[in-house]
């Protein structure tokens, strides 16, 4: 099963919010990277959808 970046981000956020005592600097770095990747993923999907229906991007 392939997860989207947004699903991975949601999973990490759920994990660290359910066990805040285990929060690490690495979690913060992972969340930062996943958030940026999720934003890029969403933007690229919008561009692809716009091109698919013939609307200039």
N, C-alpha and C. Protein backbone atom coordinates (compact mmCIF):
# COMPACT_ATOMS: atom_id res chain seq x y z
N UNK A 1 0.84 -1.18 0.00
CA UNK A 1 0.00 0.00 0.00
C UNK A 1 0.88 1.25 0.00
N UNK A 2 0.57 2.18 -0.87
CA UNK A 2 1.33 3.40 -0.97
C UNK A 2 0.60 4.51 -0.22
N UNK A 3 1.29 5.14 0.69
CA UNK A 3 0.72 6.25 1.44
C UNK A 3 1.11 7.56 0.79
N UNK A 4 0.21 8.52 0.83
CA UNK A 4 0.57 9.85 0.38
C UNK A 4 1.37 10.53 1.48
N UNK A 5 2.05 11.57 1.11
CA UNK A 5 2.82 12.33 2.10
C UNK A 5 1.90 12.85 3.19
N UNK A 6 0.71 13.28 2.80
CA UNK A 6 -0.24 13.81 3.79
C UNK A 6 -0.67 12.72 4.77
N UNK A 7 -0.82 11.49 4.30
CA UNK A 7 -1.16 10.39 5.20
C UNK A 7 -0.02 10.10 6.16
N UNK A 8 1.20 10.13 5.65
CA UNK A 8 2.37 9.91 6.51
C UNK A 8 2.49 11.01 7.56
N UNK A 9 2.25 12.25 7.15
CA UNK A 9 2.29 13.37 8.09
C UNK A 9 1.23 13.19 9.18
N UNK A 10 0.02 12.82 8.77
CA UNK A 10 -1.05 12.60 9.75
C UNK A 10 -0.68 11.49 10.73
N UNK A 11 -0.05 10.44 10.22
CA UNK A 11 0.35 9.33 11.09
C UNK A 11 1.39 9.79 12.12
N UNK A 12 2.39 10.54 11.67
CA UNK A 12 3.42 11.03 12.59
C UNK A 12 2.81 11.96 13.63
N UNK A 13 1.95 12.88 13.18
CA UNK A 13 1.32 13.81 14.12
C UNK A 13 0.46 13.07 15.14
N UNK A 14 -0.24 12.06 14.69
CA UNK A 14 -1.07 11.27 15.61
C UNK A 14 -0.20 10.54 16.63
N UNK A 15 0.91 9.97 16.16
CA UNK A 15 1.80 9.23 17.06
C UNK A 15 2.40 10.13 18.12
N UNK A 16 2.91 11.28 17.71
CA UNK A 16 3.57 12.15 18.70
C UNK A 16 2.56 12.84 19.60
N UNK A 17 1.35 13.08 19.12
CA UNK A 17 0.36 13.71 20.00
C UNK A 17 -0.22 12.72 20.99
N UNK A 18 -0.20 11.43 20.64
CA UNK A 18 -0.71 10.43 21.58
C UNK A 18 0.34 10.06 22.63
N UNK A 19 1.62 10.34 22.34
CA UNK A 19 2.69 10.04 23.29
C UNK A 19 3.67 11.22 23.34
N UNK A 20 3.21 12.37 23.85
CA UNK A 20 4.07 13.56 23.82
C UNK A 20 5.37 13.40 24.61
N UNK A 21 5.38 12.52 25.57
CA UNK A 21 6.61 12.32 26.35
C UNK A 21 7.73 11.69 25.52
N UNK A 22 7.37 11.14 24.37
CA UNK A 22 8.37 10.51 23.49
C UNK A 22 8.78 11.42 22.32
N UNK A 23 8.29 12.66 22.31
CA UNK A 23 8.59 13.61 21.24
C UNK A 23 10.09 13.87 21.21
N UNK A 24 10.67 13.85 20.02
CA UNK A 24 12.11 14.08 19.87
C UNK A 24 12.36 15.18 18.84
N UNK A 25 13.59 15.64 18.80
CA UNK A 25 14.01 16.60 17.78
C UNK A 25 13.83 15.97 16.40
N UNK A 26 14.11 14.70 16.30
CA UNK A 26 13.95 14.01 15.02
C UNK A 26 12.48 14.05 14.56
N UNK A 27 11.54 13.91 15.50
CA UNK A 27 10.12 14.02 15.14
C UNK A 27 9.82 15.40 14.56
N UNK A 28 10.37 16.44 15.19
CA UNK A 28 10.17 17.80 14.70
C UNK A 28 10.72 17.95 13.30
N UNK A 29 11.90 17.41 13.05
CA UNK A 29 12.51 17.48 11.73
C UNK A 29 11.68 16.70 10.71
N UNK A 30 11.20 15.54 11.10
CA UNK A 30 10.38 14.72 10.21
C UNK A 30 9.09 15.45 9.85
N UNK A 31 8.45 16.03 10.84
CA UNK A 31 7.20 16.76 10.61
C UNK A 31 7.44 17.94 9.68
N UNK A 32 8.52 18.66 9.88
CA UNK A 32 8.85 19.80 9.03
C UNK A 32 9.04 19.36 7.58
N UNK A 33 9.79 18.28 7.38
CA UNK A 33 10.02 17.79 6.01
C UNK A 33 8.74 17.26 5.38
N UNK A 34 7.95 16.50 6.14
CA UNK A 34 6.70 15.96 5.61
C UNK A 34 5.70 17.07 5.29
N UNK A 35 5.65 18.09 6.12
CA UNK A 35 4.73 19.20 5.86
C UNK A 35 5.10 19.89 4.55
N UNK A 36 6.37 20.15 4.33
CA UNK A 36 6.81 20.78 3.09
C UNK A 36 6.52 19.88 1.89
N UNK A 37 6.78 18.59 2.04
CA UNK A 37 6.51 17.65 0.95
C UNK A 37 5.01 17.55 0.67
N UNK A 38 4.19 17.58 1.71
CA UNK A 38 2.74 17.50 1.53
C UNK A 38 2.23 18.74 0.79
N UNK A 39 2.78 19.90 1.10
CA UNK A 39 2.38 21.12 0.40
C UNK A 39 2.76 21.02 -1.08
N UNK A 40 3.94 20.52 -1.37
CA UNK A 40 4.38 20.35 -2.75
C UNK A 40 3.50 19.32 -3.46
N UNK A 41 3.19 18.23 -2.78
CA UNK A 41 2.35 17.18 -3.35
C UNK A 41 0.97 17.74 -3.72
N UNK A 42 0.39 18.51 -2.82
CA UNK A 42 -0.92 19.09 -3.08
C UNK A 42 -0.87 20.06 -4.27
N UNK A 43 0.15 20.89 -4.30
CA UNK A 43 0.28 21.85 -5.40
C UNK A 43 0.47 21.13 -6.73
N UNK A 44 1.27 20.09 -6.75
CA UNK A 44 1.50 19.36 -8.01
C UNK A 44 0.23 18.65 -8.47
N UNK A 45 -0.58 18.17 -7.53
CA UNK A 45 -1.85 17.55 -7.90
C UNK A 45 -2.80 18.58 -8.52
N UNK A 46 -2.79 19.80 -7.98
CA UNK A 46 -3.64 20.86 -8.53
C UNK A 46 -3.19 21.22 -9.94
N UNK A 47 -1.89 21.31 -10.16
CA UNK A 47 -1.37 21.61 -11.49
C UNK A 47 -1.75 20.50 -12.46
N UNK A 48 -1.57 19.27 -12.04
CA UNK A 48 -1.90 18.14 -12.90
C UNK A 48 -3.40 18.14 -13.24
N UNK A 49 -4.23 18.43 -12.26
CA UNK A 49 -5.68 18.45 -12.49
C UNK A 49 -6.03 19.60 -13.45
N UNK A 50 -5.42 20.74 -13.28
CA UNK A 50 -5.69 21.88 -14.15
C UNK A 50 -5.28 21.57 -15.59
N UNK A 51 -4.17 20.93 -15.75
CA UNK A 51 -3.71 20.57 -17.10
C UNK A 51 -4.61 19.51 -17.71
N UNK A 52 -5.10 18.61 -16.88
CA UNK A 52 -5.96 17.53 -17.37
C UNK A 52 -7.25 18.10 -17.97
N UNK A 53 -7.82 19.12 -17.34
CA UNK A 53 -9.07 19.67 -17.83
C UNK A 53 -8.86 20.81 -18.82
N UNK A 54 -7.60 21.09 -19.14
CA UNK A 54 -7.29 22.07 -20.15
C UNK A 54 -7.23 23.51 -19.69
N UNK A 55 -7.17 23.70 -18.40
CA UNK A 55 -7.07 25.05 -17.85
C UNK A 55 -5.59 25.39 -17.71
N UNK A 56 -5.16 26.55 -18.20
CA UNK A 56 -3.74 26.89 -18.05
C UNK A 56 -3.34 26.94 -16.58
N UNK A 57 -2.18 26.41 -16.28
CA UNK A 57 -1.70 26.38 -14.89
C UNK A 57 -1.13 27.71 -14.48
